Amino acid sequence: GSKSQLLLGRDASENAVRAVNWSQIGVAHFATHALMDAESQSRTALALSPGAGTDGFLTPDELSTLPLRGPLVVLSACHSLGGQLLGGEGLRGLASPLLEAGARAVVATHWSIGDRSVVPLVDRFYAAMAAGASVDHALRQAKLAAIRDGVSIADWAGFAVIGDGSMIPRLRSLGLAPVSWVREPGQSRRDSTFR
């Protein structure tokens, strides 16, 4: 965007996420690990850094209290579309609480994703939005590029848009060439240490 804030390591804490001025956020990208339990919401969370009296896990209940003001939220984390199936309510995991909190759209994953192997997809996704594509069209373009390049289905098909995919986030283009799909020698198909 025109302004950006990057939180890494210890700075990517539960308290930092709560302290964000969400009225100024157009896109929030979480590249982290997700804990997903189909039996219990209390064991479902986004993993962040602990500290200052917090455990570092943002649960569905905590996510639903964030004062979001219509941003796109990208959950680049394993199984971030999973969750507990609640009668009369549907699937309750990480995406639905973000929509309840005010996110306009959430991009999340159906299964385990590789930490490095999904970078080209995410790179192309953001480049397409910076060029003016809506969230759903940008994700489609990134997936089509993966298909054309012969990328394993595991590295691109798990991403989905929940909510208003027609939104067009205001992003600026950095004019960089997209990251190559070529893997480093010896890199496994899945490079996440968490399953």
C-alpha atoms as a PDB file:
ATOM      1  CA  GLY A   1       0.000   0.000   0.000  1.00  0.00           C
ATOM      2  CA  SER A   2       0.972   3.637   0.174  1.00  0.00           C
ATOM      3  CA  LYS A   3       1.971   3.031   3.786  1.00  0.00           C
ATOM      4  CA  SER A   4       3.017  -0.295   5.193  1.00  0.00           C
ATOM      5  CA  GLN A   5       4.057  -1.785   8.486  1.00  0.00           C
ATOM      6  CA  LEU A   6       6.058  -4.994   8.749  1.00  0.00           C
ATOM      7  CA  LEU A   7       6.122  -6.957  11.995  1.00  0.00           C
ATOM      8  CA  LEU A   8       8.672  -9.777  12.221  1.00  0.00           C
ATOM      9  CA  GLY A   9       9.832 -12.139  14.957  1.00  0.00           C
ATOM     10  CA  ARG A  10       9.170 -10.804  18.440  1.00  0.00           C
ATOM     11  CA  ASP A  11       7.518  -7.704  16.967  1.00  0.00           C
ATOM     12  CA  ALA A  12       4.814  -9.906  15.387  1.00  0.00           C
ATOM     13  CA  SER A  13       3.053 -10.311  18.690  1.00  0.00           C
ATOM     14  CA  GLU A  14      -0.506 -10.686  19.823  1.00  0.00           C
ATOM     15  CA  ASN A  15      -0.272  -7.265  21.509  1.00  0.00           C
ATOM     16  CA  ALA A  16       1.076  -5.641  18.326  1.00  0.00           C
ATOM     17  CA  VAL A  17      -1.867  -6.963  16.305  1.00  0.00           C
ATOM     18  CA  ARG A  18      -4.277  -5.579  18.877  1.00  0.00           C
ATOM     19  CA  ALA A  19      -2.479  -2.207  18.867  1.00  0.00           C
ATOM     20  CA  VAL A  20      -2.730  -1.725  15.085  1.00  0.00           C
ATOM     21  CA  ASN A  21      -4.826   1.231  13.947  1.00  0.00           C
ATOM     22  CA  TRP A  22      -7.167  -0.951  11.880  1.00  0.00           C
ATOM     23  CA  SER A  23      -8.958   2.064  10.391  1.00  0.00           C
ATOM     24  CA  GLN A  24      -5.794   2.652   8.320  1.00  0.00           C
ATOM     25  CA  ILE A  25      -5.357  -0.958   7.115  1.00  0.00           C
ATOM     26  CA  GLY A  26      -6.392  -2.003   3.610  1.00  0.00           C
ATOM     27  CA  VAL A  27      -4.603  -5.365   3.559  1.00  0.00           C
ATOM     28  CA  ALA A  28      -3.379  -7.448   6.496  1.00  0.00           C
ATOM     29  CA  HIS A  29      -1.140 -10.394   5.616  1.00  0.00           C
ATOM     30  CA  PHE A  30      -0.390 -13.058   8.239  1.00  0.00           C
ATOM     31  CA  ALA A  31       2.466 -15.354   7.158  1.00  0.00           C
ATOM     32  CA  THR A  32       2.533 -17.562  10.210  1.00  0.00           C
ATOM     33  CA  HIS A  33       1.408 -20.926  11.505  1.00  0.00           C
ATOM     34  CA  ALA A  34      -2.201 -21.773  12.228  1.00  0.00           C
ATOM     35  CA  LEU A  35      -3.335 -24.291  14.788  1.00  0.00           C
ATOM     36  CA  MET A  36      -6.561 -25.937  13.711  1.00  0.00           C
ATOM     37  CA  ASP A  37      -8.710 -28.323  15.710  1.00  0.00           C
ATOM     38  CA  ALA A  38     -11.947 -29.601  14.151  1.00  0.00           C
ATOM     39  CA  GLU A  39     -13.229 -30.533  17.625  1.00  0.00           C
ATOM     40  CA  SER A  40     -12.492 -27.410  19.673  1.00  0.00           C
ATOM     41  CA  GLN A  41     -12.240 -23.692  19.030  1.00  0.00           C
ATOM     42  CA  SER A  42     -10.106 -23.334  22.144  1.00  0.00           C
ATOM     43  CA  ARG A  43      -7.285 -25.156  20.311  1.00  0.00           C
ATOM     44  CA  THR A  44      -7.655 -23.153  17.089  1.00  0.00           C
ATOM     45  CA  ALA A  45      -5.490 -20.043  16.691  1.00  0.00           C
ATOM     46  CA  LEU A  46      -3.019 -18.003  14.680  1.00  0.00           C
ATOM     47  CA  ALA A  47       0.448 -18.378  16.175  1.00  0.00           C
ATOM     48  CA  LEU A  48       2.214 -15.097  16.918  1.00  0.00           C
ATOM     49  CA  SER A  49       4.936 -14.067  19.350  1.00  0.00           C
ATOM     50  CA  PRO A  50       4.070 -14.223  23.061  1.00  0.00           C
ATOM     51  CA  GLY A  51       4.939 -11.579  25.577  1.00  0.00           C
ATOM     52  CA  ALA A  52       3.626  -8.880  27.882  1.00  0.00           C
ATOM     53  CA  GLY A  53       1.111 -11.219  29.486  1.00  0.00           C
ATOM     54  CA  THR A  54      -0.118 -12.913  26.296  1.00  0.00           C
ATOM     55  CA  ASP A  55       0.360 -16.468  25.079  1.00  0.00           C
ATOM     56  CA  GLY A  56       0.923 -15.460  21.438  1.00  0.00           C
ATOM     57  CA  PHE A  57      -2.129 -17.300  20.106  1.00  0.00           C
ATOM     58  CA  LEU A  58      -4.988 -15.338  18.558  1.00  0.00           C
ATOM     59  CA  THR A  59      -8.060 -17.533  18.991  1.00  0.00           C
ATOM     60  CA  PRO A  60     -11.287 -17.236  16.965  1.00  0.00           C
ATOM     61  CA  ASP A  61     -12.916 -15.331  19.838  1.00  0.00           C
ATOM     62  CA  GLU A  62      -9.979 -12.906  20.001  1.00  0.00           C
ATOM     63  CA  LEU A  63      -9.941 -12.438  16.218  1.00  0.00           C
ATOM     64  CA  SER A  64     -13.651 -11.568  16.244  1.00  0.00           C
ATOM     65  CA  THR A  65     -12.965  -8.609  18.580  1.00  0.00           C
ATOM     66  CA  LEU A  66     -10.405  -6.898  16.322  1.00  0.00           C
ATOM     67  CA  PRO A  67     -11.810  -3.538  15.158  1.00  0.00           C
ATOM     68  CA  LEU A  68     -11.388  -4.230  11.426  1.00  0.00           C
ATOM     69  CA  ARG A  69     -12.694  -1.649   8.969  1.00  0.00           C
ATOM     70  CA  GLY A  70     -13.125  -3.587   5.729  1.00  0.00           C
ATOM     71  CA  PRO A  71      -9.617  -4.818   4.913  1.00  0.00           C
ATOM     72  CA  LEU A  72      -8.562  -7.851   2.940  1.00  0.00           C
ATOM     73  CA  VAL A  73      -7.007 -10.329   5.380  1.00  0.00           C
ATOM     74  CA  VAL A  74      -4.647 -12.955   3.944  1.00  0.00           C
ATOM     75  CA  LEU A  75      -3.965 -15.975   6.139  1.00  0.00           C
ATOM     76  CA  SER A  76      -0.902 -17.544   4.548  1.00  0.00           C
ATOM     77  CA  ALA A  77      -0.906 -20.373   7.063  1.00  0.00           C
ATOM     78  CA  CYS A  78      -1.670 -24.088   6.937  1.00  0.00           C
ATOM     79  CA  HIS A  79      -5.320 -25.176   7.161  1.00  0.00           C
ATOM     80  CA  SER A  80      -6.504 -21.618   7.870  1.00  0.00           C
ATOM     81  CA  LEU A  81      -9.927 -22.419   6.332  1.00  0.00           C
ATOM     82  CA  GLY A  82     -10.473 -25.369   8.659  1.00  0.00           C
ATOM     83  CA  GLY A  83     -12.243 -25.349  11.965  1.00  0.00           C
ATOM     84  CA  GLN A  84     -15.056 -26.746  14.023  1.00  0.00           C
ATOM     85  CA  LEU A  85     -18.413 -27.424  12.371  1.00  0.00           C
ATOM     86  CA  LEU A  86     -21.111 -25.840  14.528  1.00  0.00           C
ATOM     87  CA  GLY A  87     -24.770 -26.669  13.989  1.00  0.00           C
ATOM     88  CA  GLY A  88     -26.730 -23.691  12.667  1.00  0.00           C
ATOM     89  CA  GLU A  89     -23.562 -21.648  12.256  1.00  0.00           C
ATOM     90  CA  GLY A  90     -21.358 -23.610   9.888  1.00  0.00           C
ATOM     91  CA  LEU A  91     -17.584 -23.840   9.959  1.00  0.00           C
ATOM     92  CA  ARG A  92     -16.030 -21.814  12.770  1.00  0.00           C
ATOM     93  CA  GLY A  93     -12.286 -21.476  12.397  1.00  0.00           C
ATOM     94  CA  LEU A  94     -10.165 -18.409  11.650  1.00  0.00           C
ATOM     95  CA  ALA A  95     -11.858 -16.893   8.569  1.00  0.00           C
ATOM     96  CA  SER A  96     -15.386 -16.417   9.920  1.00  0.00           C
ATOM     97  CA  PRO A  97     -14.300 -14.474  13.053  1.00  0.00           C
ATOM     98  CA  LEU A  98     -12.320 -12.094  10.825  1.00  0.00           C
ATOM     99  CA  LEU A  99     -15.405 -11.490   8.678  1.00  0.00           C
ATOM    100  CA  GLU A 100     -17.450 -10.925  11.851  1.00  0.00           C
ATOM    101  CA  ALA A 101     -14.828  -8.415  13.019  1.00  0.00           C
ATOM    102  CA  GLY A 102     -15.226  -6.406   9.803  1.00  0.00           C
ATOM    103  CA  ALA A 103     -12.884  -7.890   7.193  1.00  0.00           C
ATOM    104  CA  ARG A 104     -14.371  -7.497   3.734  1.00  0.00           C
ATOM    105  CA  ALA A 105     -12.626 -10.613   2.392  1.00  0.00           C
ATOM    106  CA  VAL A 106     -10.320 -13.314   3.725  1.00  0.00           C
ATOM    107  CA  VAL A 107      -7.903 -15.399   1.658  1.00  0.00           C
ATOM    108  CA  ALA A 108      -7.081 -18.626   3.471  1.00  0.00           C
ATOM    109  CA  THR A 109      -5.956 -22.195   2.829  1.00  0.00           C
ATOM    110  CA  HIS A 110      -7.675 -25.574   2.785  1.00  0.00           C
ATOM    111  CA  TRP A 111      -4.546 -27.599   3.605  1.00  0.00           C
ATOM    112  CA  SER A 112      -0.901 -27.547   4.591  1.00  0.00           C
ATOM    113  CA  ILE A 113       1.204 -25.153   2.506  1.00  0.00           C
ATOM    114  CA  GLY A 114       4.963 -24.852   2.057  1.00  0.00           C
ATOM    115  CA  ASP A 115       6.661 -21.856   3.622  1.00  0.00           C
ATOM    116  CA  ARG A 116       8.698 -21.084   0.507  1.00  0.00           C
ATOM    117  CA  SER A 117       6.861 -22.951  -2.234  1.00  0.00           C
ATOM    118  CA  VAL A 118       3.801 -20.658  -2.090  1.00  0.00           C
ATOM    119  CA  VAL A 119       5.819 -17.423  -2.327  1.00  0.00           C
ATOM    120  CA  PRO A 120       5.519 -17.194  -6.145  1.00  0.00           C
ATOM    121  CA  LEU A 121       1.727 -17.596  -5.947  1.00  0.00           C
ATOM    122  CA  VAL A 122       1.416 -14.926  -3.261  1.00  0.00           C
ATOM    123  CA  ASP A 123       3.802 -12.658  -5.192  1.00  0.00           C
ATOM    124  CA  ARG A 124       1.692 -12.948  -8.363  1.00  0.00           C
ATOM    125  CA  PHE A 125      -1.505 -12.461  -6.344  1.00  0.00           C
ATOM    126  CA  TYR A 126      -0.299  -9.140  -4.942  1.00  0.00           C
ATOM    127  CA  ALA A 127       1.144  -8.022  -8.297  1.00  0.00           C
ATOM    128  CA  ALA A 128      -2.230  -8.588  -9.963  1.00  0.00           C
ATOM    129  CA  MET A 129      -4.029  -6.582  -7.261  1.00  0.00           C
ATOM    130  CA  ALA A 130      -1.446  -3.780  -7.589  1.00  0.00           C
ATOM    131  CA  ALA A 131      -2.277  -3.731 -11.313  1.00  0.00           C
ATOM    132  CA  GLY A 132      -5.961  -3.188 -10.463  1.00  0.00           C
ATOM    133  CA  ALA A 133      -7.426  -6.695 -10.292  1.00  0.00           C
ATOM    134  CA  SER A 134     -10.035  -7.618  -7.702  1.00  0.00           C
ATOM    135  CA  VAL A 135      -9.109 -10.140  -5.019  1.00  0.00           C
ATOM    136  CA  ASP A 136     -10.885 -13.048  -6.751  1.00  0.00           C
ATOM    137  CA  HIS A 137      -9.476 -12.230 -10.193  1.00  0.00           C
ATOM    138  CA  ALA A 138      -5.965 -11.719  -8.786  1.00  0.00           C
ATOM    139  CA  LEU A 139      -6.069 -15.120  -7.080  1.00  0.00           C
ATOM    140  CA  ARG A 140      -7.398 -16.701 -10.284  1.00  0.00           C
ATOM    141  CA  GLN A 141      -4.590 -15.109 -12.338  1.00  0.00           C
ATOM    142  CA  ALA A 142      -1.961 -16.368  -9.893  1.00  0.00           C
ATOM    143  CA  LYS A 143      -3.420 -19.881 -10.008  1.00  0.00           C
ATOM    144  CA  LEU A 144      -3.542 -19.873 -13.824  1.00  0.00           C
ATOM    145  CA  ALA A 145       0.134 -18.837 -13.909  1.00  0.00           C
ATOM    146  CA  ALA A 146       0.932 -21.790 -11.637  1.00  0.00           C
ATOM    147  CA  ILE A 147      -0.956 -24.187 -13.928  1.00  0.00           C
ATOM    148  CA  ARG A 148       0.833 -22.817 -17.004  1.00  0.00           C
ATOM    149  CA  ASP A 149       4.181 -23.254 -15.263  1.00  0.00           C
ATOM    150  CA  GLY A 150       3.429 -26.852 -14.245  1.00  0.00           C
ATOM    151  CA  VAL A 151       3.486 -26.154 -10.507  1.00  0.00           C
ATOM    152  CA  SER A 152       2.255 -28.894  -8.171  1.00  0.00           C
ATOM    153  CA  ILE A 153      -1.416 -28.495  -7.308  1.00  0.00           C
ATOM    154  CA  ALA A 154      -0.418 -28.631  -3.622  1.00  0.00           C
ATOM    155  CA  ASP A 155       1.310 -25.255  -3.992  1.00  0.00           C
ATOM    156  CA  TRP A 156      -1.599 -23.254  -5.411  1.00  0.00           C
ATOM    157  CA  ALA A 157      -5.027 -24.910  -5.224  1.00  0.00           C
ATOM    158  CA  GLY A 158      -5.451 -24.694  -1.455  1.00  0.00           C
ATOM    159  CA  PHE A 159      -5.997 -20.923  -1.430  1.00  0.00           C
ATOM    160  CA  ALA A 160      -9.579 -19.615  -1.486  1.00  0.00           C
ATOM    161  CA  VAL A 161     -11.396 -16.297  -1.051  1.00  0.00           C
ATOM    162  CA  ILE A 162     -14.145 -16.000   1.559  1.00  0.00           C
ATOM    163  CA  GLY A 163     -16.299 -12.873   1.619  1.00  0.00           C
ATOM    164  CA  ASP A 164     -16.325 -10.132  -1.030  1.00  0.00           C
ATOM    165  CA  GLY A 165     -13.830 -11.225  -3.670  1.00  0.00           C
ATOM    166  CA  SER A 166     -14.834  -8.293  -5.873  1.00  0.00           C
ATOM    167  CA  MET A 167     -12.995  -5.812  -3.655  1.00  0.00           C
ATOM    168  CA  ILE A 168      -9.986  -4.059  -5.197  1.00  0.00           C
ATOM    169  CA  PRO A 169      -7.408  -3.142  -2.542  1.00  0.00           C
ATOM    170  CA  ARG A 170      -5.430   0.009  -3.272  1.00  0.00           C
ATOM    171  CA  LEU A 171      -1.890  -1.240  -3.688  1.00  0.00           C
ATOM    172  CA  ARG A 172       1.107   0.273  -5.375  1.00  0.00           C
ATOM    173  CA  SER A 173       3.254  -1.704  -7.759  1.00  0.00           C
ATOM    174  CA  LEU A 174       6.935  -1.998  -6.983  1.00  0.00           C
ATOM    175  CA  GLY A 175       7.651  -2.951 -10.603  1.00  0.00           C
ATOM    176  CA  LEU A 176       9.568  -6.064  -9.590  1.00  0.00           C
ATOM    177  CA  ALA A 177       9.627  -9.233 -11.668  1.00  0.00           C
ATOM    178  CA  PRO A 178       7.567 -12.045 -10.120  1.00  0.00           C
ATOM    179  CA  VAL A 179       9.401 -14.624  -8.037  1.00  0.00           C
ATOM    180  CA  SER A 180      10.263 -17.718 -10.070  1.00  0.00           C
ATOM    181  CA  TRP A 181       8.557 -21.045  -9.480  1.00  0.00           C
ATOM    182  CA  VAL A 182      11.907 -22.784  -9.779  1.00  0.00           C
ATOM    183  CA  ARG A 183      12.780 -24.642  -6.602  1.00  0.00           C
ATOM    184  CA  GLU A 184      16.168 -24.737  -4.968  1.00  0.00           C
ATOM    185  CA  PRO A 185      18.012 -28.032  -5.543  1.00  0.00           C
ATOM    186  CA  GLY A 186      16.964 -30.558  -2.930  1.00  0.00           C
ATOM    187  CA  GLN A 187      13.989 -28.503  -1.749  1.00  0.00           C
ATOM    188  CA  SER A 188      11.148 -30.801  -0.818  1.00  0.00           C
ATOM    189  CA  ARG A 189       7.693 -30.288  -2.256  1.00  0.00           C
ATOM    190  CA  ARG A 190       6.474 -29.206   1.171  1.00  0.00           C
ATOM    191  CA  ASP A 191       8.918 -27.154   3.196  1.00  0.00           C
ATOM    192  CA  SER A 192       6.876 -26.336   6.255  1.00  0.00           C
ATOM    193  CA  THR A 193       8.071 -27.902   9.472  1.00  0.00           C
ATOM    194  CA  PHE A 194       4.504 -27.930  10.813  1.00  0.00           C
ATOM    195  CA  ARG A 195       1.834 -30.258   9.430  1.00  0.00           C
END
